[in-house]
N, C-alpha and C. Protein backbone atom coordinates (compact mmCIF):
# COMPACT_ATOMS: atom_id res chain seq x y z
N MET A 1 -28.51 -7.83 26.74
CA MET A 1 -28.39 -6.44 26.31
C MET A 1 -26.93 -6.06 26.04
N ALA A 2 -26.03 -6.50 26.98
CA ALA A 2 -24.61 -6.20 26.81
C ALA A 2 -24.07 -6.86 25.54
N ARG A 3 -24.55 -8.10 25.26
CA ARG A 3 -24.10 -8.80 24.07
C ARG A 3 -24.55 -8.08 22.80
N THR A 4 -25.78 -7.55 22.82
CA THR A 4 -26.29 -6.80 21.67
C THR A 4 -25.46 -5.55 21.43
N ARG A 5 -25.10 -4.87 22.56
CA ARG A 5 -24.27 -3.68 22.45
C ARG A 5 -22.90 -4.00 21.85
N THR A 6 -22.35 -5.13 22.28
CA THR A 6 -21.04 -5.55 21.78
C THR A 6 -21.11 -5.86 20.29
N ARG A 7 -22.18 -6.55 19.88
CA ARG A 7 -22.34 -6.88 18.46
C ARG A 7 -22.45 -5.61 17.62
N ARG A 8 -23.23 -4.65 18.12
CA ARG A 8 -23.38 -3.40 17.38
C ARG A 8 -22.05 -2.65 17.27
N GLY A 9 -21.30 -2.65 18.36
CA GLY A 9 -19.99 -2.00 18.33
C GLY A 9 -19.04 -2.66 17.36
N THR A 10 -19.08 -4.00 17.31
CA THR A 10 -18.21 -4.74 16.37
C THR A 10 -18.61 -4.44 14.94
N ILE A 11 -19.90 -4.40 14.67
CA ILE A 11 -20.38 -4.10 13.31
C ILE A 11 -19.97 -2.69 12.90
N ALA A 12 -20.12 -1.72 13.83
CA ALA A 12 -19.75 -0.33 13.52
C ALA A 12 -18.25 -0.21 13.28
N LEU A 13 -17.44 -0.89 14.10
CA LEU A 13 -15.99 -0.84 13.92
C LEU A 13 -15.58 -1.48 12.60
N THR A 14 -16.20 -2.60 12.25
CA THR A 14 -15.90 -3.26 10.99
C THR A 14 -16.25 -2.37 9.80
N ALA A 15 -17.42 -1.74 9.87
CA ALA A 15 -17.85 -0.85 8.78
C ALA A 15 -16.87 0.32 8.63
N ALA A 16 -16.40 0.86 9.76
CA ALA A 16 -15.46 1.97 9.71
C ALA A 16 -14.13 1.54 9.10
N LEU A 17 -13.66 0.35 9.46
CA LEU A 17 -12.38 -0.15 8.93
C LEU A 17 -12.48 -0.43 7.44
N VAL A 18 -13.62 -0.97 7.01
CA VAL A 18 -13.82 -1.24 5.58
C VAL A 18 -13.86 0.06 4.79
N ALA A 19 -14.61 1.04 5.30
CA ALA A 19 -14.74 2.32 4.60
C ALA A 19 -13.41 3.08 4.57
N ALA A 20 -12.57 2.86 5.58
CA ALA A 20 -11.29 3.58 5.65
C ALA A 20 -10.33 3.16 4.55
N VAL A 21 -10.51 1.97 4.00
CA VAL A 21 -9.57 1.49 2.97
C VAL A 21 -9.64 2.35 1.71
N PRO A 22 -10.79 2.47 1.03
CA PRO A 22 -10.81 3.34 -0.17
C PRO A 22 -10.70 4.81 0.18
N ALA A 23 -11.26 5.21 1.34
CA ALA A 23 -11.15 6.62 1.73
C ALA A 23 -9.70 7.00 1.96
N GLY A 24 -8.93 6.06 2.54
CA GLY A 24 -7.52 6.34 2.79
C GLY A 24 -6.70 6.38 1.52
N THR A 25 -6.85 5.38 0.67
CA THR A 25 -6.02 5.31 -0.53
C THR A 25 -6.34 6.46 -1.50
N PHE A 26 -7.59 6.61 -1.86
CA PHE A 26 -7.96 7.65 -2.82
C PHE A 26 -7.90 9.04 -2.18
N GLY A 27 -8.29 9.13 -0.90
CA GLY A 27 -8.28 10.42 -0.21
C GLY A 27 -6.88 10.98 -0.05
N LEU A 28 -5.93 10.12 0.32
CA LEU A 28 -4.56 10.59 0.51
C LEU A 28 -3.93 11.06 -0.80
N VAL A 29 -4.26 10.39 -1.89
CA VAL A 29 -3.73 10.81 -3.18
C VAL A 29 -4.32 12.18 -3.57
N LEU A 30 -5.59 12.40 -3.26
CA LEU A 30 -6.20 13.71 -3.53
C LEU A 30 -5.55 14.80 -2.69
N VAL A 31 -5.29 14.50 -1.42
CA VAL A 31 -4.63 15.48 -0.55
C VAL A 31 -3.23 15.79 -1.07
N SER A 32 -2.51 14.75 -1.49
CA SER A 32 -1.17 14.95 -2.04
C SER A 32 -1.21 15.80 -3.30
N THR A 33 -2.26 15.64 -4.09
CA THR A 33 -2.37 16.36 -5.36
C THR A 33 -2.69 17.84 -5.15
N TYR A 34 -3.65 18.13 -4.27
CA TYR A 34 -4.16 19.49 -4.15
C TYR A 34 -3.64 20.25 -2.93
N VAL A 35 -3.09 19.56 -1.94
CA VAL A 35 -2.58 20.23 -0.75
C VAL A 35 -1.06 20.15 -0.68
N GLY A 36 -0.55 18.94 -0.79
CA GLY A 36 0.90 18.78 -0.73
C GLY A 36 1.29 17.43 -0.18
N PHE A 37 2.52 17.01 -0.51
CA PHE A 37 2.99 15.70 -0.08
C PHE A 37 3.16 15.64 1.43
N GLY A 38 3.63 16.74 2.04
CA GLY A 38 3.84 16.75 3.49
C GLY A 38 2.56 16.53 4.25
N ALA A 39 1.51 17.24 3.86
CA ALA A 39 0.21 17.08 4.53
C ALA A 39 -0.32 15.68 4.33
N ALA A 40 -0.15 15.13 3.13
CA ALA A 40 -0.62 13.77 2.85
C ALA A 40 0.15 12.75 3.70
N SER A 41 1.44 12.98 3.90
CA SER A 41 2.25 12.05 4.70
C SER A 41 1.79 12.04 6.15
N LEU A 42 1.57 13.23 6.72
CA LEU A 42 1.12 13.31 8.11
C LEU A 42 -0.27 12.69 8.27
N LEU A 43 -1.15 13.00 7.33
CA LEU A 43 -2.50 12.43 7.39
C LEU A 43 -2.45 10.93 7.21
N GLY A 44 -1.60 10.45 6.30
CA GLY A 44 -1.47 9.01 6.09
C GLY A 44 -0.96 8.30 7.32
N LEU A 45 -0.01 8.90 8.04
CA LEU A 45 0.51 8.31 9.27
C LEU A 45 -0.60 8.20 10.32
N ALA A 46 -1.39 9.27 10.45
CA ALA A 46 -2.48 9.25 11.43
C ALA A 46 -3.54 8.21 11.06
N VAL A 47 -3.91 8.16 9.78
CA VAL A 47 -4.91 7.20 9.33
C VAL A 47 -4.39 5.77 9.50
N GLY A 48 -3.12 5.55 9.15
CA GLY A 48 -2.54 4.21 9.28
C GLY A 48 -2.53 3.72 10.72
N ILE A 49 -2.12 4.59 11.64
CA ILE A 49 -2.09 4.20 13.06
C ILE A 49 -3.50 3.91 13.56
N ALA A 50 -4.45 4.76 13.18
CA ALA A 50 -5.84 4.55 13.61
C ALA A 50 -6.40 3.24 13.06
N TRP A 51 -6.07 2.94 11.79
CA TRP A 51 -6.59 1.72 11.16
C TRP A 51 -6.00 0.47 11.81
N ILE A 52 -4.71 0.48 12.06
CA ILE A 52 -4.06 -0.66 12.70
C ILE A 52 -4.61 -0.86 14.11
N THR A 53 -4.80 0.24 14.83
CA THR A 53 -5.38 0.15 16.18
C THR A 53 -6.78 -0.44 16.13
N GLY A 54 -7.55 -0.04 15.13
CA GLY A 54 -8.90 -0.57 15.00
C GLY A 54 -8.91 -2.06 14.71
N VAL A 55 -8.00 -2.52 13.85
CA VAL A 55 -7.92 -3.96 13.53
C VAL A 55 -7.54 -4.76 14.78
N VAL A 56 -6.58 -4.24 15.54
CA VAL A 56 -6.18 -4.93 16.78
C VAL A 56 -7.33 -4.96 17.77
N ARG A 57 -8.07 -3.88 17.85
CA ARG A 57 -9.23 -3.85 18.76
C ARG A 57 -10.30 -4.83 18.31
N LEU A 58 -10.45 -4.98 17.01
CA LEU A 58 -11.46 -5.90 16.48
C LEU A 58 -11.08 -7.36 16.73
N LEU A 59 -9.81 -7.69 16.52
CA LEU A 59 -9.40 -9.10 16.52
C LEU A 59 -8.60 -9.51 17.75
N GLY A 60 -8.21 -8.56 18.57
CA GLY A 60 -7.40 -8.91 19.73
C GLY A 60 -5.94 -9.08 19.33
N ALA A 61 -5.20 -9.93 20.06
CA ALA A 61 -3.76 -10.11 19.83
C ALA A 61 -3.46 -10.60 18.43
N VAL A 62 -4.34 -11.46 17.89
CA VAL A 62 -4.12 -11.97 16.53
C VAL A 62 -4.10 -10.83 15.51
N GLY A 63 -4.81 -9.75 15.82
CA GLY A 63 -4.92 -8.64 14.90
C GLY A 63 -3.62 -7.92 14.62
N CYS A 64 -2.60 -8.07 15.50
CA CYS A 64 -1.31 -7.40 15.28
C CYS A 64 -0.68 -7.85 13.97
N TRP A 65 -0.63 -9.17 13.76
CA TRP A 65 -0.02 -9.70 12.54
C TRP A 65 -0.89 -9.39 11.32
N LEU A 66 -2.20 -9.54 11.47
CA LEU A 66 -3.08 -9.28 10.34
C LEU A 66 -3.08 -7.81 9.96
N ALA A 67 -2.98 -6.94 10.97
CA ALA A 67 -2.93 -5.50 10.69
C ALA A 67 -1.66 -5.14 9.94
N ALA A 68 -0.54 -5.78 10.31
CA ALA A 68 0.73 -5.52 9.61
C ALA A 68 0.63 -5.94 8.14
N CYS A 69 0.05 -7.12 7.89
CA CYS A 69 -0.13 -7.58 6.50
C CYS A 69 -1.07 -6.65 5.75
N GLY A 70 -2.15 -6.24 6.42
CA GLY A 70 -3.10 -5.33 5.79
C GLY A 70 -2.47 -3.98 5.46
N ALA A 71 -1.58 -3.50 6.34
CA ALA A 71 -0.93 -2.22 6.09
C ALA A 71 -0.03 -2.28 4.86
N VAL A 72 0.66 -3.41 4.68
CA VAL A 72 1.50 -3.58 3.49
C VAL A 72 0.63 -3.56 2.22
N LEU A 73 -0.49 -4.27 2.27
CA LEU A 73 -1.40 -4.30 1.12
C LEU A 73 -1.98 -2.91 0.86
N TRP A 74 -2.27 -2.19 1.93
CA TRP A 74 -2.82 -0.84 1.82
C TRP A 74 -1.81 0.10 1.17
N LEU A 75 -0.53 -0.03 1.53
CA LEU A 75 0.51 0.80 0.92
C LEU A 75 0.67 0.49 -0.57
N MET A 76 0.54 -0.80 -0.92
CA MET A 76 0.60 -1.18 -2.33
C MET A 76 -0.56 -0.54 -3.09
N ALA A 77 -1.75 -0.58 -2.50
CA ALA A 77 -2.92 0.04 -3.13
C ALA A 77 -2.72 1.55 -3.28
N LEU A 78 -2.15 2.16 -2.25
CA LEU A 78 -1.89 3.61 -2.29
C LEU A 78 -0.94 3.96 -3.44
N GLY A 79 0.09 3.13 -3.62
CA GLY A 79 1.04 3.37 -4.71
C GLY A 79 0.41 3.25 -6.08
N THR A 80 -0.46 2.27 -6.26
CA THR A 80 -1.10 2.11 -7.57
C THR A 80 -2.12 3.21 -7.84
N VAL A 81 -2.79 3.70 -6.79
CA VAL A 81 -3.70 4.83 -6.98
C VAL A 81 -2.92 6.07 -7.40
N ALA A 82 -1.76 6.29 -6.77
CA ALA A 82 -0.92 7.43 -7.15
C ALA A 82 -0.44 7.29 -8.59
N SER A 83 -0.09 6.08 -8.99
CA SER A 83 0.35 5.85 -10.37
C SER A 83 -0.78 6.11 -11.35
N ALA A 84 -2.00 5.70 -10.99
CA ALA A 84 -3.15 5.97 -11.86
C ALA A 84 -3.42 7.47 -11.95
N ARG A 85 -3.23 8.17 -10.81
CA ARG A 85 -3.39 9.64 -10.83
C ARG A 85 -2.39 10.27 -11.78
N ASP A 86 -1.13 9.83 -11.72
CA ASP A 86 -0.10 10.37 -12.61
C ASP A 86 -0.46 10.13 -14.08
N ALA A 87 -0.93 8.91 -14.36
CA ALA A 87 -1.29 8.58 -15.74
C ALA A 87 -2.44 9.47 -16.23
N MET A 88 -3.40 9.73 -15.36
CA MET A 88 -4.55 10.57 -15.75
C MET A 88 -4.08 12.00 -16.05
N ILE A 89 -3.20 12.52 -15.20
CA ILE A 89 -2.70 13.89 -15.40
C ILE A 89 -1.87 13.97 -16.68
N LEU A 90 -0.99 13.00 -16.89
CA LEU A 90 -0.14 13.03 -18.08
C LEU A 90 -0.94 12.88 -19.36
N ASN A 91 -1.99 12.07 -19.31
CA ASN A 91 -2.85 11.92 -20.49
C ASN A 91 -3.61 13.20 -20.79
N ALA A 92 -3.99 13.92 -19.72
CA ALA A 92 -4.82 15.11 -19.91
C ALA A 92 -4.01 16.36 -20.23
N THR A 93 -2.97 16.62 -19.45
CA THR A 93 -2.24 17.88 -19.60
C THR A 93 -0.73 17.70 -19.73
N GLY A 94 -0.26 16.47 -19.89
CA GLY A 94 1.17 16.24 -20.00
C GLY A 94 1.75 16.77 -21.30
N VAL A 95 3.05 17.01 -21.29
CA VAL A 95 3.76 17.52 -22.46
C VAL A 95 4.80 16.48 -22.88
N THR A 96 4.83 16.16 -24.15
CA THR A 96 5.81 15.22 -24.67
C THR A 96 7.04 15.97 -25.17
N THR A 97 8.22 15.49 -24.79
CA THR A 97 9.45 16.16 -25.18
C THR A 97 10.59 15.14 -25.27
N ASP A 98 11.65 15.53 -25.94
CA ASP A 98 12.86 14.72 -25.99
C ASP A 98 13.79 15.19 -24.87
N ALA A 99 14.01 14.33 -23.90
CA ALA A 99 14.84 14.67 -22.75
C ALA A 99 16.23 14.06 -22.90
N ARG A 100 17.20 14.68 -22.24
CA ARG A 100 18.57 14.17 -22.28
C ARG A 100 18.92 13.53 -20.95
N ILE A 101 19.56 12.38 -20.99
CA ILE A 101 19.96 11.66 -19.79
C ILE A 101 21.25 12.26 -19.24
N THR A 102 21.22 12.66 -17.99
CA THR A 102 22.41 13.25 -17.36
C THR A 102 23.06 12.32 -16.36
N ALA A 103 22.35 11.30 -15.91
CA ALA A 103 22.93 10.35 -14.95
C ALA A 103 22.14 9.05 -15.03
N ALA A 104 22.83 7.96 -14.76
CA ALA A 104 22.19 6.64 -14.76
C ALA A 104 22.52 5.92 -13.46
N TYR A 105 21.52 5.30 -12.88
CA TYR A 105 21.68 4.59 -11.62
C TYR A 105 21.22 3.14 -11.82
N ASP A 106 22.18 2.24 -11.81
CA ASP A 106 21.88 0.84 -12.09
C ASP A 106 21.38 0.13 -10.83
N GLN A 107 20.42 -0.76 -11.04
CA GLN A 107 19.89 -1.61 -9.97
C GLN A 107 19.99 -3.05 -10.45
N PRO A 108 21.19 -3.64 -10.32
CA PRO A 108 21.42 -4.97 -10.90
C PRO A 108 20.85 -6.13 -10.09
N THR A 109 20.45 -5.88 -8.86
CA THR A 109 19.95 -6.96 -8.02
C THR A 109 18.48 -7.22 -8.29
N GLY A 110 18.01 -8.37 -7.80
CA GLY A 110 16.60 -8.71 -7.95
C GLY A 110 16.34 -9.55 -9.19
N LYS A 111 15.07 -9.90 -9.34
CA LYS A 111 14.68 -10.76 -10.47
C LYS A 111 14.79 -10.04 -11.80
N HIS A 112 14.47 -8.74 -11.80
CA HIS A 112 14.47 -7.99 -13.05
C HIS A 112 15.37 -6.76 -12.89
N PRO A 113 16.66 -6.89 -13.19
CA PRO A 113 17.57 -5.74 -13.08
C PRO A 113 17.08 -4.59 -13.97
N SER A 114 17.28 -3.39 -13.48
CA SER A 114 16.83 -2.22 -14.23
C SER A 114 17.78 -1.06 -13.97
N SER A 115 17.54 0.03 -14.66
CA SER A 115 18.32 1.25 -14.46
C SER A 115 17.35 2.43 -14.33
N GLU A 116 17.77 3.42 -13.57
CA GLU A 116 16.99 4.64 -13.40
C GLU A 116 17.78 5.79 -14.01
N TYR A 117 17.10 6.62 -14.80
CA TYR A 117 17.79 7.66 -15.56
C TYR A 117 17.29 9.04 -15.16
N GLU A 118 18.24 9.91 -14.88
CA GLU A 118 17.91 11.29 -14.54
C GLU A 118 17.87 12.12 -15.82
N LEU A 119 16.84 12.98 -15.93
CA LEU A 119 16.58 13.67 -17.19
C LEU A 119 16.55 15.19 -17.03
N VAL A 120 16.90 15.87 -18.11
CA VAL A 120 16.72 17.32 -18.20
C VAL A 120 16.14 17.64 -19.57
N ASP A 121 15.47 18.79 -19.67
CA ASP A 121 14.91 19.19 -20.96
C ASP A 121 15.95 19.98 -21.76
N GLU A 122 15.52 20.59 -22.87
CA GLU A 122 16.43 21.30 -23.76
C GLU A 122 17.14 22.46 -23.05
N SER A 123 16.45 23.08 -22.11
CA SER A 123 17.04 24.23 -21.41
C SER A 123 17.89 23.82 -20.21
N GLY A 124 17.92 22.52 -19.91
CA GLY A 124 18.69 22.05 -18.77
C GLY A 124 17.89 21.93 -17.49
N SER A 125 16.59 22.23 -17.54
CA SER A 125 15.75 22.11 -16.34
C SER A 125 15.49 20.63 -16.05
N PRO A 126 15.54 20.24 -14.78
CA PRO A 126 15.34 18.82 -14.45
C PRO A 126 13.90 18.38 -14.71
N LEU A 127 13.77 17.16 -15.21
CA LEU A 127 12.44 16.58 -15.48
C LEU A 127 12.15 15.37 -14.59
N GLY A 128 13.07 15.08 -13.66
CA GLY A 128 12.85 13.91 -12.81
C GLY A 128 13.58 12.69 -13.34
N ARG A 129 13.11 11.53 -12.93
CA ARG A 129 13.75 10.27 -13.32
C ARG A 129 12.73 9.31 -13.90
N VAL A 130 13.21 8.43 -14.77
CA VAL A 130 12.38 7.36 -15.31
C VAL A 130 13.15 6.06 -15.21
N PHE A 131 12.41 4.97 -15.13
CA PHE A 131 13.02 3.65 -15.12
C PHE A 131 13.09 3.10 -16.54
N GLY A 132 14.09 2.27 -16.76
CA GLY A 132 14.23 1.63 -18.06
C GLY A 132 14.96 0.32 -17.92
N GLY A 133 15.22 -0.32 -19.05
CA GLY A 133 15.93 -1.58 -19.04
C GLY A 133 17.35 -1.42 -18.52
N PHE A 134 17.89 -2.48 -18.00
CA PHE A 134 19.23 -2.46 -17.43
C PHE A 134 20.25 -2.13 -18.53
N HIS A 135 20.95 -0.98 -18.34
CA HIS A 135 21.95 -0.52 -19.30
C HIS A 135 21.36 -0.29 -20.70
N SER A 136 20.07 0.04 -20.75
CA SER A 136 19.46 0.28 -22.06
C SER A 136 19.83 1.64 -22.63
N HIS A 137 20.32 2.55 -21.78
CA HIS A 137 20.75 3.88 -22.22
C HIS A 137 22.04 4.26 -21.52
N VAL A 138 22.71 5.25 -22.06
CA VAL A 138 23.91 5.79 -21.43
C VAL A 138 23.73 7.30 -21.30
N VAL A 139 24.57 7.89 -20.45
CA VAL A 139 24.51 9.35 -20.26
C VAL A 139 24.74 10.04 -21.59
N GLY A 140 23.88 11.01 -21.89
CA GLY A 140 23.95 11.73 -23.15
C GLY A 140 22.88 11.31 -24.14
N ASP A 141 22.31 10.11 -23.96
CA ASP A 141 21.24 9.66 -24.85
C ASP A 141 20.01 10.53 -24.68
N ARG A 142 19.19 10.55 -25.72
CA ARG A 142 17.91 11.27 -25.65
C ARG A 142 16.77 10.26 -25.67
N VAL A 143 15.79 10.53 -24.83
CA VAL A 143 14.62 9.66 -24.76
C VAL A 143 13.37 10.52 -24.79
N THR A 144 12.33 10.00 -25.39
CA THR A 144 11.04 10.69 -25.43
C THR A 144 10.28 10.40 -24.16
N VAL A 145 9.86 11.46 -23.47
CA VAL A 145 9.12 11.30 -22.21
C VAL A 145 7.92 12.24 -22.22
N ARG A 146 7.03 11.99 -21.29
CA ARG A 146 5.88 12.87 -21.08
C ARG A 146 5.94 13.36 -19.63
N TYR A 147 5.88 14.68 -19.45
CA TYR A 147 6.01 15.23 -18.09
C TYR A 147 4.87 16.19 -17.79
N ASP A 148 4.70 16.46 -16.51
CA ASP A 148 3.65 17.36 -16.04
C ASP A 148 4.27 18.73 -15.77
N PRO A 149 3.87 19.78 -16.50
CA PRO A 149 4.45 21.11 -16.28
C PRO A 149 4.24 21.63 -14.86
N ARG A 150 3.20 21.17 -14.17
CA ARG A 150 2.95 21.62 -12.80
C ARG A 150 3.80 20.87 -11.79
N GLY A 151 4.39 19.76 -12.21
CA GLY A 151 5.25 19.01 -11.31
C GLY A 151 4.52 18.11 -10.33
N VAL A 152 3.24 17.87 -10.56
CA VAL A 152 2.48 17.00 -9.65
C VAL A 152 2.73 15.53 -9.99
N ALA A 153 2.59 15.19 -11.26
CA ALA A 153 2.76 13.80 -11.70
C ALA A 153 4.22 13.51 -12.02
N ALA A 154 4.62 12.29 -11.78
CA ALA A 154 5.98 11.87 -12.10
C ALA A 154 6.13 11.72 -13.61
N THR A 155 7.34 11.94 -14.11
CA THR A 155 7.63 11.81 -15.54
C THR A 155 7.66 10.34 -15.94
N HIS A 156 7.11 10.05 -17.12
CA HIS A 156 7.09 8.67 -17.62
C HIS A 156 7.40 8.67 -19.11
N THR A 157 7.88 7.54 -19.59
CA THR A 157 7.95 7.34 -21.03
C THR A 157 6.53 7.08 -21.52
N PRO A 158 6.21 7.42 -22.76
CA PRO A 158 4.83 7.25 -23.25
C PRO A 158 4.30 5.83 -23.10
N ASP A 159 5.16 4.82 -23.32
CA ASP A 159 4.68 3.45 -23.21
C ASP A 159 4.55 2.99 -21.77
N GLY A 160 4.98 3.81 -20.82
CA GLY A 160 4.84 3.46 -19.41
C GLY A 160 3.60 4.03 -18.76
N ILE A 161 2.79 4.74 -19.54
CA ILE A 161 1.56 5.34 -19.01
C ILE A 161 0.40 4.39 -19.29
N ASP A 162 -0.21 3.89 -18.23
CA ASP A 162 -1.31 2.91 -18.38
C ASP A 162 -2.36 3.18 -17.30
N PHE A 163 -3.22 4.15 -17.57
CA PHE A 163 -4.22 4.54 -16.57
C PHE A 163 -5.17 3.39 -16.26
N ALA A 164 -5.68 2.71 -17.28
CA ALA A 164 -6.65 1.64 -17.07
C ALA A 164 -6.03 0.50 -16.25
N GLY A 165 -4.80 0.13 -16.59
CA GLY A 165 -4.14 -0.96 -15.87
C GLY A 165 -3.87 -0.60 -14.42
N ASP A 166 -3.35 0.62 -14.18
CA ASP A 166 -3.07 1.05 -12.81
C ASP A 166 -4.35 1.13 -11.98
N LEU A 167 -5.41 1.66 -12.59
CA LEU A 167 -6.68 1.79 -11.86
C LEU A 167 -7.26 0.41 -11.54
N ALA A 168 -7.15 -0.53 -12.47
CA ALA A 168 -7.67 -1.88 -12.23
C ALA A 168 -6.95 -2.55 -11.07
N ILE A 169 -5.62 -2.39 -11.02
CA ILE A 169 -4.85 -2.98 -9.92
C ILE A 169 -5.22 -2.31 -8.60
N ALA A 170 -5.36 -0.98 -8.62
CA ALA A 170 -5.72 -0.26 -7.40
C ALA A 170 -7.08 -0.70 -6.86
N LEU A 171 -8.06 -0.81 -7.75
CA LEU A 171 -9.40 -1.23 -7.32
C LEU A 171 -9.38 -2.67 -6.81
N SER A 172 -8.59 -3.53 -7.45
CA SER A 172 -8.51 -4.93 -7.02
C SER A 172 -7.90 -5.04 -5.62
N LEU A 173 -6.82 -4.31 -5.37
CA LEU A 173 -6.19 -4.35 -4.05
C LEU A 173 -7.12 -3.81 -2.98
N ASN A 174 -7.82 -2.72 -3.30
CA ASN A 174 -8.79 -2.17 -2.36
C ASN A 174 -9.90 -3.17 -2.07
N ALA A 175 -10.39 -3.84 -3.11
CA ALA A 175 -11.49 -4.79 -2.94
C ALA A 175 -11.06 -5.99 -2.09
N VAL A 176 -9.84 -6.48 -2.32
CA VAL A 176 -9.34 -7.62 -1.55
C VAL A 176 -9.24 -7.25 -0.07
N LEU A 177 -8.67 -6.09 0.22
CA LEU A 177 -8.50 -5.68 1.61
C LEU A 177 -9.84 -5.41 2.28
N MET A 178 -10.77 -4.79 1.56
CA MET A 178 -12.09 -4.52 2.13
C MET A 178 -12.83 -5.83 2.41
N ALA A 179 -12.76 -6.78 1.48
CA ALA A 179 -13.44 -8.06 1.67
C ALA A 179 -12.83 -8.83 2.84
N ALA A 180 -11.50 -8.76 2.99
CA ALA A 180 -10.84 -9.46 4.10
C ALA A 180 -11.28 -8.89 5.44
N VAL A 181 -11.30 -7.57 5.55
CA VAL A 181 -11.71 -6.94 6.81
C VAL A 181 -13.18 -7.23 7.11
N ALA A 182 -14.02 -7.14 6.09
CA ALA A 182 -15.44 -7.44 6.29
C ALA A 182 -15.65 -8.88 6.74
N GLY A 183 -14.93 -9.82 6.09
CA GLY A 183 -15.06 -11.22 6.48
C GLY A 183 -14.62 -11.48 7.90
N LEU A 184 -13.52 -10.85 8.32
CA LEU A 184 -13.06 -11.01 9.69
C LEU A 184 -14.06 -10.41 10.68
N GLY A 185 -14.65 -9.27 10.31
CA GLY A 185 -15.66 -8.66 11.17
C GLY A 185 -16.87 -9.56 11.34
N VAL A 186 -17.33 -10.18 10.26
CA VAL A 186 -18.47 -11.11 10.34
C VAL A 186 -18.12 -12.29 11.23
N ALA A 187 -16.90 -12.80 11.09
CA ALA A 187 -16.48 -13.94 11.91
C ALA A 187 -16.46 -13.57 13.39
N VAL A 188 -16.03 -12.36 13.71
CA VAL A 188 -16.01 -11.93 15.11
C VAL A 188 -17.42 -11.77 15.65
N VAL A 189 -18.32 -11.24 14.84
CA VAL A 189 -19.72 -11.09 15.28
C VAL A 189 -20.33 -12.46 15.58
N ARG A 190 -20.03 -13.44 14.75
CA ARG A 190 -20.63 -14.78 14.93
C ARG A 190 -19.96 -15.60 16.03
N ASN A 191 -18.63 -15.53 16.07
CA ASN A 191 -17.89 -16.46 16.94
C ASN A 191 -17.08 -15.79 18.04
N GLY A 192 -17.05 -14.49 18.06
CA GLY A 192 -16.21 -13.80 19.03
C GLY A 192 -14.79 -13.65 18.51
N ARG A 193 -13.96 -13.01 19.29
CA ARG A 193 -12.57 -12.81 18.89
C ARG A 193 -11.85 -14.14 18.78
N PRO A 194 -10.95 -14.28 17.79
CA PRO A 194 -10.17 -15.52 17.71
C PRO A 194 -9.21 -15.63 18.88
N ARG A 195 -9.02 -16.86 19.35
CA ARG A 195 -8.11 -17.10 20.47
C ARG A 195 -6.87 -17.81 19.96
N ARG A 196 -5.76 -17.48 20.57
CA ARG A 196 -4.51 -18.14 20.20
C ARG A 196 -4.51 -19.56 20.74
N VAL A 197 -4.14 -20.52 19.89
CA VAL A 197 -4.08 -21.92 20.32
C VAL A 197 -2.74 -22.16 20.97
N PRO A 198 -2.70 -22.59 22.24
CA PRO A 198 -1.41 -22.81 22.90
C PRO A 198 -0.65 -23.95 22.25
N PHE A 199 0.66 -23.86 22.27
CA PHE A 199 1.48 -24.93 21.72
C PHE A 199 1.37 -26.17 22.61
N ARG A 200 1.33 -27.32 21.95
CA ARG A 200 1.29 -28.58 22.70
C ARG A 200 2.69 -28.87 23.24
N ARG A 201 2.77 -29.07 24.52
CA ARG A 201 4.05 -29.32 25.14
C ARG A 201 4.16 -30.78 25.55
N ALA A 202 5.31 -31.08 26.15
CA ALA A 202 5.57 -32.48 26.50
C ALA A 202 4.56 -33.04 27.46
N GLY A 203 4.06 -32.20 28.34
CA GLY A 203 3.12 -32.68 29.34
C GLY A 203 1.68 -32.59 28.92
N GLY A 204 1.42 -32.36 27.60
CA GLY A 204 0.05 -32.21 27.13
C GLY A 204 -0.24 -30.75 26.91
N VAL A 205 -1.48 -30.41 26.54
CA VAL A 205 -1.86 -29.04 26.25
C VAL A 205 -1.72 -28.22 27.51
N GLY A 206 -0.89 -27.20 27.46
CA GLY A 206 -0.73 -26.32 28.60
C GLY A 206 0.20 -26.89 29.66
N GLY A 207 0.77 -28.07 29.45
CA GLY A 207 1.62 -28.67 30.45
C GLY A 207 3.03 -28.11 30.41
N THR A 208 3.87 -28.52 31.36
CA THR A 208 5.25 -28.08 31.44
C THR A 208 6.15 -29.29 31.47
N PRO A 209 7.45 -29.14 31.20
CA PRO A 209 8.36 -30.28 31.29
C PRO A 209 8.34 -30.92 32.66
N ARG A 210 8.18 -30.12 33.73
CA ARG A 210 8.12 -30.69 35.06
C ARG A 210 6.89 -31.59 35.22
N ASP A 211 5.75 -31.15 34.59
CA ASP A 211 4.54 -31.99 34.64
C ASP A 211 4.76 -33.28 33.90
N ALA A 212 5.54 -33.25 32.79
CA ALA A 212 5.75 -34.46 32.00
C ALA A 212 6.61 -35.45 32.78
N ALA A 213 7.56 -34.93 33.59
CA ALA A 213 8.43 -35.82 34.33
C ALA A 213 7.76 -36.40 35.58
N ARG A 214 6.64 -35.80 35.99
CA ARG A 214 5.96 -36.27 37.18
C ARG A 214 5.29 -37.62 36.89
N PRO A 215 5.47 -38.64 37.74
CA PRO A 215 4.85 -39.95 37.50
C PRO A 215 3.34 -39.86 37.50
N GLN A 216 2.72 -40.60 36.59
CA GLN A 216 1.25 -40.63 36.49
C GLN A 216 0.68 -41.61 37.49
N ARG A 217 -0.44 -41.24 38.09
CA ARG A 217 -1.11 -42.13 39.06
C ARG A 217 -2.30 -42.79 38.42
């Protein structure tokens, strides 16, 4: 009876962790859109802590490392969902304008050096920043951008808006994380929590150097 209860608890915990992945990524973006970034940040922190705690409870000590990897993947998914949201807003209600570059911030390190450009409109009102090629523009240049008059979506150049691509990446990351959690949950139901394999020492499995130096009889 106790074993049945444990199995049911593991299944329920796994289902909750799997459901939390899309609910967290898409839900937090909705909260950020309609409530505010501050509320979304606090809610995201609470959801993230609860999710990591759940993974550790499901898998035991091994779950600490897996939860950390899962959290990184979850943040990547959250970013792509937000990018897809921006693309949807800009496609629907965005305004195209010629903006003037007032400052450039170079990022020469990494595999693909780039620059970030600060923009203002004709009246001098700030429009945010956009990324571009390394040293592809200088202060004073004009670039065509699409911005959100409500200030919810980030400003982008027209060729940088790709709703279908962003959504596909977001769904793929969510699917990978959900499948990984579900698979681990099934493994725990069948085999129990994974155990850490002790390192083989000089005296054999679990032995000590003193045991290795002791003469064998």
